[in-house]
Amino acid sequence: MPRMEPLPINQLDDEIRHMCEESERQIGTSASTRTYARNPAVVKALATFRGALAREGSIDPVIRELVRIKIAGLNACRY
């Protein structure tokens, strides 16, 4: 059970709602984005940061995804 419930998608501004829809499309959930959305400035800054890492990172995307899956498994996260 989460300590903070994610916000319902209908309570989000258009920019964050779009991020959540994209997250749902890519990984099947937007719970973390909707939780961070309790502070819109934080969720938008985090999205900018993640975008920069994805564009300018040097790790192969396949390796990066395998690492994400491994971390999720180690943390019993339904990724």
C-alpha atoms as a PDB file:
ATOM      1  CA  MET A   1       0.000   0.000   0.000  1.00  0.00           C
ATOM      2  CA  PRO A   2       1.494   3.359  -1.002  1.00  0.00           C
ATOM      3  CA  ARG A   3       2.022   6.073   1.580  1.00  0.00           C
ATOM      4  CA  MET A   4       0.681   8.663  -0.850  1.00  0.00           C
ATOM      5  CA  GLU A   5      -2.036   7.910  -3.347  1.00  0.00           C
ATOM      6  CA  PRO A   6      -1.356   8.983  -6.931  1.00  0.00           C
ATOM      7  CA  LEU A   7      -3.609  11.806  -8.109  1.00  0.00           C
ATOM      8  CA  PRO A   8      -6.461  10.846 -10.442  1.00  0.00           C
ATOM      9  CA  ILE A   9      -5.565  11.653 -14.029  1.00  0.00           C
ATOM     10  CA  ASN A  10      -8.498  14.075 -14.319  1.00  0.00           C
ATOM     11  CA  GLN A  11      -6.914  16.316 -11.622  1.00  0.00           C
ATOM     12  CA  LEU A  12      -3.702  16.891 -13.598  1.00  0.00           C
ATOM     13  CA  ASP A  13      -2.837  19.819 -15.836  1.00  0.00           C
ATOM     14  CA  ASP A  14      -2.566  19.116 -19.561  1.00  0.00           C
ATOM     15  CA  GLU A  15       1.239  18.855 -19.637  1.00  0.00           C
ATOM     16  CA  ILE A  16       1.415  16.346 -16.774  1.00  0.00           C
ATOM     17  CA  ARG A  17      -1.593  14.426 -18.112  1.00  0.00           C
ATOM     18  CA  HIS A  18       0.272  14.041 -21.416  1.00  0.00           C
ATOM     19  CA  MET A  19       3.342  12.719 -19.523  1.00  0.00           C
ATOM     20  CA  CYS A  20       1.107  10.208 -17.722  1.00  0.00           C
ATOM     21  CA  GLU A  21      -0.520   9.034 -20.945  1.00  0.00           C
ATOM     22  CA  GLU A  22       2.932   8.542 -22.471  1.00  0.00           C
ATOM     23  CA  SER A  23       4.075   6.624 -19.391  1.00  0.00           C
ATOM     24  CA  GLU A  24       0.974   4.401 -19.575  1.00  0.00           C
ATOM     25  CA  ARG A  25       1.730   3.722 -23.240  1.00  0.00           C
ATOM     26  CA  GLN A  26       5.393   2.908 -22.631  1.00  0.00           C
ATOM     27  CA  ILE A  27       5.421   1.006 -19.343  1.00  0.00           C
ATOM     28  CA  GLY A  28       1.776   0.402 -18.457  1.00  0.00           C
ATOM     29  CA  THR A  29       1.555   2.711 -15.439  1.00  0.00           C
ATOM     30  CA  SER A  30       1.764   6.355 -14.525  1.00  0.00           C
ATOM     31  CA  ALA A  31       1.465   5.936 -10.749  1.00  0.00           C
ATOM     32  CA  SER A  32       4.840   7.466  -9.922  1.00  0.00           C
ATOM     33  CA  THR A  33       4.269  10.455 -12.222  1.00  0.00           C
ATOM     34  CA  ARG A  34       0.800  11.000 -10.756  1.00  0.00           C
ATOM     35  CA  THR A  35       2.269  10.838  -7.244  1.00  0.00           C
ATOM     36  CA  TYR A  36       5.028  13.328  -8.063  1.00  0.00           C
ATOM     37  CA  ALA A  37       2.345  15.515  -9.661  1.00  0.00           C
ATOM     38  CA  ARG A  38       1.310  16.629  -6.183  1.00  0.00           C
ATOM     39  CA  ASN A  39       4.111  19.138  -6.809  1.00  0.00           C
ATOM     40  CA  PRO A  40       3.873  20.066 -10.526  1.00  0.00           C
ATOM     41  CA  ALA A  41       7.209  21.915 -10.568  1.00  0.00           C
ATOM     42  CA  VAL A  42       8.982  18.805  -9.302  1.00  0.00           C
ATOM     43  CA  VAL A  43       7.379  16.421 -11.806  1.00  0.00           C
ATOM     44  CA  LYS A  44       8.164  18.774 -14.698  1.00  0.00           C
ATOM     45  CA  ALA A  45      11.786  19.220 -13.571  1.00  0.00           C
ATOM     46  CA  LEU A  46      12.167  15.467 -13.147  1.00  0.00           C
ATOM     47  CA  ALA A  47      10.809  14.891 -16.664  1.00  0.00           C
ATOM     48  CA  THR A  48      13.307  17.389 -18.067  1.00  0.00           C
ATOM     49  CA  PHE A  49      16.143  15.679 -16.179  1.00  0.00           C
ATOM     50  CA  ARG A  50      15.117  12.195 -17.346  1.00  0.00           C
ATOM     51  CA  GLY A  51      14.818  13.454 -20.914  1.00  0.00           C
ATOM     52  CA  ALA A  52      18.345  14.843 -20.802  1.00  0.00           C
ATOM     53  CA  LEU A  53      19.667  11.546 -19.440  1.00  0.00           C
ATOM     54  CA  ALA A  54      17.903   9.604 -22.184  1.00  0.00           C
ATOM     55  CA  ARG A  55      19.229  11.889 -24.945  1.00  0.00           C
ATOM     56  CA  GLU A  56      22.756  12.354 -23.673  1.00  0.00           C
ATOM     57  CA  GLY A  57      23.407   9.194 -21.678  1.00  0.00           C
ATOM     58  CA  SER A  58      26.099   6.813 -22.864  1.00  0.00           C
ATOM     59  CA  ILE A  59      24.466   3.533 -21.766  1.00  0.00           C
ATOM     60  CA  ASP A  60      22.974   1.422 -24.535  1.00  0.00           C
ATOM     61  CA  PRO A  61      19.142   1.614 -24.294  1.00  0.00           C
ATOM     62  CA  VAL A  62      18.813  -2.201 -24.144  1.00  0.00           C
ATOM     63  CA  ILE A  63      21.260  -2.406 -21.225  1.00  0.00           C
ATOM     64  CA  ARG A  64      19.492   0.495 -19.495  1.00  0.00           C
ATOM     65  CA  GLU A  65      16.132  -1.307 -19.750  1.00  0.00           C
ATOM     66  CA  LEU A  66      17.637  -4.565 -18.459  1.00  0.00           C
ATOM     67  CA  VAL A  67      19.033  -2.670 -15.468  1.00  0.00           C
ATOM     68  CA  ARG A  68      15.607  -1.108 -14.807  1.00  0.00           C
ATOM     69  CA  ILE A  69      13.970  -4.540 -14.917  1.00  0.00           C
ATOM     70  CA  LYS A  70      16.588  -6.031 -12.583  1.00  0.00           C
ATOM     71  CA  ILE A  71      16.207  -3.162 -10.084  1.00  0.00           C
ATOM     72  CA  ALA A  72      12.421  -3.568 -10.172  1.00  0.00           C
ATOM     73  CA  GLY A  73      12.782  -7.289  -9.481  1.00  0.00           C
ATOM     74  CA  LEU A  74      15.160  -6.715  -6.578  1.00  0.00           C
ATOM     75  CA  ASN A  75      12.665  -4.279  -5.077  1.00  0.00           C
ATOM     76  CA  ALA A  76       9.634  -6.520  -5.698  1.00  0.00           C
ATOM     77  CA  CYS A  77       8.225  -3.793  -7.952  1.00  0.00           C
ATOM     78  CA  ARG A  78       5.656  -4.788 -10.576  1.00  0.00           C
ATOM     79  CA  TYR A  79       7.485  -3.066 -13.410  1.00  0.00           C
END
